[in-house]
Amino acid sequence: YELDERQILCGNGSEEIIGMLIRAYVSAGEELLLSENHFMMCPIYARTQGAGVVIAPERNFTVDVDELLARVTPQTRMVAVANPNNPTGTYLPFDEICRLHAALPSHVVLLLDAAYAEYVLEEDYEAGARLVAEHGNVVMTRTLSKIYGLAGLRIGWAYCRPHVIDVLQRIRTPFNTNRAGLAAAAAAVRDREYLQTVRTRNHHELQLMLEELRRLGLRVVPSVTN
């Protein structure tokens, strides 16, 4: 991915990292802002902190940037967006993610959960590494649980600026990853040919599923994931 390895933090799946981020940055009396169809663990972690959870409606099962921005208050501390979205499979183009970030106060953390990024073929999509490089309040999380199929080994990672790494290292347990999982993850990310095979096969089967479900008369939300 041509990223700065000093800005990578591994965790027990990206879900653990998301939990640590919310624990570190969202306190009682503050707010976590989410889209309507959000990753289910986010509000659980926020409420555990005593924080409020604010939900913005979506448009056609897709994150709506304007609805999110309309709900930013002085209490907003973090905006978490899964892109592609989990569970809908829809996505926002990178320019919309940039528009969202540009309108947020500098003290608000933008969490980009890109667990399904490797599936996306659309040219207007980016996972978020460029925003991390340019701004200190953006965190991108990724995982080996989806396209790599290593969910049981629990390896996820975050890409963020050093000051965020420092905060997370203060609350991370020393036993949050395991040697077998890390070895498998390192081998998996090097196998680019296999990744491309899975991506291509998934795209083909996804189109087949969409066509057949629509032929049955069902309404199908178009997905860019699996």
Protein backbone atom coordinates (compact mmCIF):
# COMPACT_ATOMS: atom_id res chain seq x y z
CA TYR A 1 0.00 0.00 0.00
CA GLU A 2 3.09 2.28 0.09
CA LEU A 3 2.23 3.54 3.57
CA ASP A 4 4.48 4.76 6.38
CA GLU A 5 4.90 1.71 8.60
CA ARG A 6 5.41 3.98 11.63
CA GLN A 7 1.77 5.02 11.27
CA ILE A 8 0.33 1.50 11.32
CA LEU A 9 -1.12 -0.08 14.46
CA CYS A 10 -2.35 -3.68 14.49
CA GLY A 11 -5.19 -4.98 16.61
CA ASN A 12 -7.42 -7.93 17.38
CA GLY A 13 -9.42 -7.22 14.25
CA SER A 14 -10.23 -3.66 13.21
CA GLU A 15 -13.19 -3.90 15.58
CA GLU A 16 -10.84 -3.74 18.58
CA ILE A 17 -9.12 -0.68 17.14
CA ILE A 18 -12.47 1.02 16.61
CA GLY A 19 -13.28 0.30 20.24
CA MET A 20 -9.97 1.77 21.40
CA LEU A 21 -10.50 4.89 19.30
CA ILE A 22 -13.92 5.53 20.77
CA ARG A 23 -12.62 4.83 24.25
CA ALA A 24 -9.75 7.26 23.72
CA TYR A 25 -11.60 10.12 22.06
CA VAL A 26 -15.27 10.04 23.07
CA SER A 27 -16.16 10.74 26.70
CA ALA A 28 -19.32 11.05 28.79
CA GLY A 29 -21.38 14.03 27.67
CA GLU A 30 -19.87 13.99 24.17
CA GLU A 31 -21.35 12.52 20.98
CA LEU A 32 -20.51 9.92 18.38
CA LEU A 33 -22.15 10.67 15.03
CA LEU A 34 -23.14 7.70 12.85
CA SER A 35 -25.04 7.05 9.67
CA GLU A 36 -28.34 5.16 9.84
CA ASN A 37 -26.93 1.79 8.75
CA HIS A 38 -23.75 1.72 10.79
CA PHE A 39 -21.33 -0.89 12.10
CA MET A 40 -23.20 -2.25 15.09
CA MET A 41 -20.29 -2.14 17.56
CA CYS A 42 -19.82 1.65 17.32
CA PRO A 43 -22.85 2.68 19.42
CA ILE A 44 -22.12 -0.07 21.93
CA TYR A 45 -18.64 1.30 22.57
CA ALA A 46 -19.90 4.89 22.74
CA ARG A 47 -22.64 4.10 25.25
CA THR A 48 -20.15 2.17 27.36
CA GLN A 49 -18.25 5.45 27.61
CA GLY A 50 -21.42 7.27 28.67
CA ALA A 51 -21.44 9.18 25.40
CA GLY A 52 -24.42 10.05 23.26
CA VAL A 53 -25.06 8.43 19.88
CA VAL A 54 -26.51 10.58 17.11
CA ILE A 55 -27.89 8.91 13.98
CA ALA A 56 -28.17 10.58 10.57
CA PRO A 57 -30.63 9.18 8.01
CA GLU A 58 -29.37 7.76 4.74
CA ARG A 59 -30.50 8.17 1.14
CA ASN A 60 -31.12 4.92 -0.74
CA PHE A 61 -29.16 2.96 1.86
CA THR A 62 -26.14 5.21 1.26
CA VAL A 63 -24.41 7.55 3.72
CA ASP A 64 -25.67 11.11 3.25
CA VAL A 65 -22.95 13.68 3.95
CA ASP A 66 -25.38 16.57 4.29
CA GLU A 67 -27.48 14.71 6.86
CA LEU A 68 -24.34 13.95 8.87
CA LEU A 69 -23.13 17.54 8.78
CA ALA A 70 -26.56 18.82 9.80
CA ARG A 71 -26.20 16.90 13.06
CA VAL A 72 -22.76 18.08 14.09
CA THR A 73 -22.97 19.91 17.43
CA PRO A 74 -20.45 21.31 19.93
CA GLN A 75 -20.66 17.91 21.64
CA THR A 76 -19.66 15.96 18.52
CA ARG A 77 -16.29 14.31 19.11
CA MET A 78 -16.16 11.63 16.42
CA VAL A 79 -17.85 10.81 13.12
CA ALA A 80 -17.55 7.14 12.14
CA VAL A 81 -18.26 6.17 8.54
CA ALA A 82 -17.90 2.67 7.12
CA ASN A 83 -16.95 3.08 3.48
CA PRO A 84 -17.97 0.80 1.84
CA ASN A 85 -20.79 0.67 4.31
CA ASN A 86 -21.40 -2.27 6.59
CA PRO A 87 -24.08 -3.69 6.33
CA THR A 88 -25.44 -2.16 3.11
CA GLY A 89 -22.44 -2.58 0.77
CA THR A 90 -22.91 0.92 -0.70
CA TYR A 91 -20.10 3.47 -0.84
CA LEU A 92 -19.29 7.17 -1.01
CA PRO A 93 -16.93 8.55 -3.66
CA PHE A 94 -13.73 9.98 -2.23
CA ASP A 95 -14.71 13.56 -3.06
CA GLU A 96 -17.76 13.16 -0.78
CA ILE A 97 -15.54 11.87 2.03
CA CYS A 98 -13.28 14.89 1.52
CA ARG A 99 -16.30 17.20 1.60
CA LEU A 100 -17.41 15.64 4.89
CA HIS A 101 -13.98 16.06 6.43
CA ALA A 102 -13.56 19.64 5.24
CA ALA A 103 -16.77 20.70 6.98
CA LEU A 104 -15.94 19.10 10.33
CA PRO A 105 -14.35 21.08 13.17
CA SER A 106 -10.65 20.25 13.55
CA HIS A 107 -11.19 18.66 16.98
CA VAL A 108 -13.63 16.08 15.58
CA VAL A 109 -12.08 12.73 14.68
CA LEU A 110 -13.18 11.22 11.35
CA LEU A 111 -13.01 7.44 11.53
CA LEU A 112 -13.06 5.75 8.11
CA ASP A 113 -13.79 2.06 8.49
CA ALA A 114 -12.55 0.60 5.20
CA ALA A 115 -12.92 -3.09 6.04
CA TYR A 116 -14.31 -3.86 2.57
CA ALA A 117 -12.01 -1.55 0.59
CA GLU A 118 -10.27 -4.31 -1.35
CA TYR A 119 -13.51 -5.32 -3.06
CA VAL A 120 -14.19 -1.93 -4.62
CA LEU A 121 -13.53 -1.53 -8.35
CA GLU A 122 -15.03 1.95 -8.82
CA GLU A 123 -12.45 4.53 -9.87
CA ASP A 124 -13.87 7.32 -7.68
CA TYR A 125 -13.25 5.36 -4.48
CA GLU A 126 -10.33 5.77 -2.08
CA ALA A 127 -10.02 4.13 1.33
CA GLY A 128 -8.69 7.21 3.13
CA ALA A 129 -4.90 6.98 3.39
CA ARG A 130 -4.49 10.29 1.58
CA LEU A 131 -6.65 12.10 4.14
CA VAL A 132 -4.63 10.55 6.96
CA ALA A 133 -1.43 11.84 5.36
CA GLU A 134 -2.82 15.35 5.03
CA HIS A 135 -4.76 15.76 8.29
CA GLY A 136 -4.23 14.90 11.93
CA ASN A 137 -7.84 14.09 12.79
CA VAL A 138 -8.46 11.19 10.36
CA VAL A 139 -8.05 7.48 11.10
CA MET A 140 -8.46 4.70 8.54
CA THR A 141 -9.09 1.15 9.76
CA ARG A 142 -8.62 -1.99 7.67
CA THR A 143 -8.88 -5.72 8.29
CA LEU A 144 -7.71 -9.14 7.13
CA SER A 145 -11.16 -10.56 7.98
CA LYS A 146 -12.95 -9.80 4.71
CA ILE A 147 -11.37 -10.38 1.31
CA TYR A 148 -8.42 -12.23 2.87
CA GLY A 149 -10.72 -14.58 4.76
CA LEU A 150 -8.73 -14.54 8.01
CA ALA A 151 -11.55 -13.49 10.35
CA GLY A 152 -10.78 -16.22 12.88
CA LEU A 153 -7.18 -15.06 13.26
CA ARG A 154 -8.32 -11.55 14.31
CA ILE A 155 -5.89 -9.18 12.61
CA GLY A 156 -6.89 -5.63 11.76
CA TRP A 157 -4.90 -2.45 11.39
CA ALA A 158 -5.23 1.29 11.57
CA TYR A 159 -3.43 3.97 9.61
CA CYS A 160 -3.19 7.23 11.51
CA ARG A 161 -0.83 10.00 12.52
CA PRO A 162 1.84 9.41 15.21
CA HIS A 163 -0.02 11.38 17.89
CA VAL A 164 -3.03 9.06 17.47
CA ILE A 165 -0.76 5.99 17.57
CA ASP A 166 0.66 7.33 20.83
CA VAL A 167 -2.80 7.63 22.37
CA LEU A 168 -3.84 4.12 21.29
CA GLN A 169 -0.59 2.57 22.50
CA ARG A 170 -1.35 3.91 25.97
CA ILE A 171 -4.55 1.85 26.24
CA ARG A 172 -3.75 -1.11 23.98
CA THR A 173 -3.13 -4.36 25.85
CA PRO A 174 0.22 -6.06 25.15
CA PHE A 175 -1.57 -9.27 24.09
CA ASN A 176 -4.04 -7.94 21.52
CA THR A 177 -2.53 -9.78 18.53
CA ASN A 178 -1.08 -13.28 18.16
CA ARG A 179 1.98 -14.55 16.34
CA ALA A 180 0.12 -16.99 14.08
CA GLY A 181 -2.36 -14.36 13.00
CA LEU A 182 0.36 -11.81 12.24
CA ALA A 183 2.36 -14.35 10.23
CA ALA A 184 -0.70 -15.31 8.19
CA ALA A 185 -1.59 -11.66 7.66
CA ALA A 186 1.91 -10.79 6.44
CA ALA A 187 1.80 -13.70 3.97
CA ALA A 188 -1.70 -12.78 2.80
CA VAL A 189 -0.96 -9.16 1.94
CA ARG A 190 2.05 -10.25 -0.14
CA ASP A 191 -0.05 -12.61 -2.25
CA ARG A 192 -1.39 -10.00 -4.67
CA GLU A 193 -2.28 -12.56 -7.33
CA TYR A 194 -4.66 -14.38 -4.99
CA LEU A 195 -6.23 -11.11 -3.90
CA GLN A 196 -6.94 -10.18 -7.52
CA THR A 197 -8.42 -13.64 -8.17
CA VAL A 198 -10.82 -13.28 -5.24
CA ARG A 199 -11.76 -9.73 -6.23
CA THR A 200 -12.49 -10.73 -9.83
CA ARG A 201 -14.48 -13.82 -8.87
CA ASN A 202 -16.46 -11.90 -6.27
CA HIS A 203 -17.36 -9.19 -8.79
CA HIS A 204 -18.57 -11.79 -11.29
CA GLU A 205 -20.69 -13.69 -8.75
CA LEU A 206 -22.07 -10.45 -7.31
CA GLN A 207 -23.38 -9.38 -10.71
CA LEU A 208 -24.94 -12.81 -11.20
CA MET A 209 -26.68 -12.61 -7.82
CA LEU A 210 -27.98 -9.11 -8.55
CA GLU A 211 -29.40 -10.15 -11.91
CA GLU A 212 -31.09 -13.28 -10.62
CA LEU A 213 -32.57 -11.61 -7.53
CA ARG A 214 -33.97 -8.78 -9.64
CA ARG A 215 -35.44 -11.31 -12.05
CA LEU A 216 -37.34 -12.74 -9.09
CA GLY A 217 -38.86 -9.30 -8.58
CA LEU A 218 -36.80 -8.36 -5.51
CA ARG A 219 -35.40 -4.92 -4.89
CA VAL A 220 -31.64 -5.22 -4.38
CA VAL A 221 -29.38 -2.56 -2.91
CA PRO A 222 -26.37 -2.31 -5.28
CA SER A 223 -23.25 -3.40 -3.43
CA VAL A 224 -19.56 -2.83 -4.16
CA THR A 225 -18.50 -5.43 -1.59
CA ASN A 226 -19.19 -9.16 -1.28
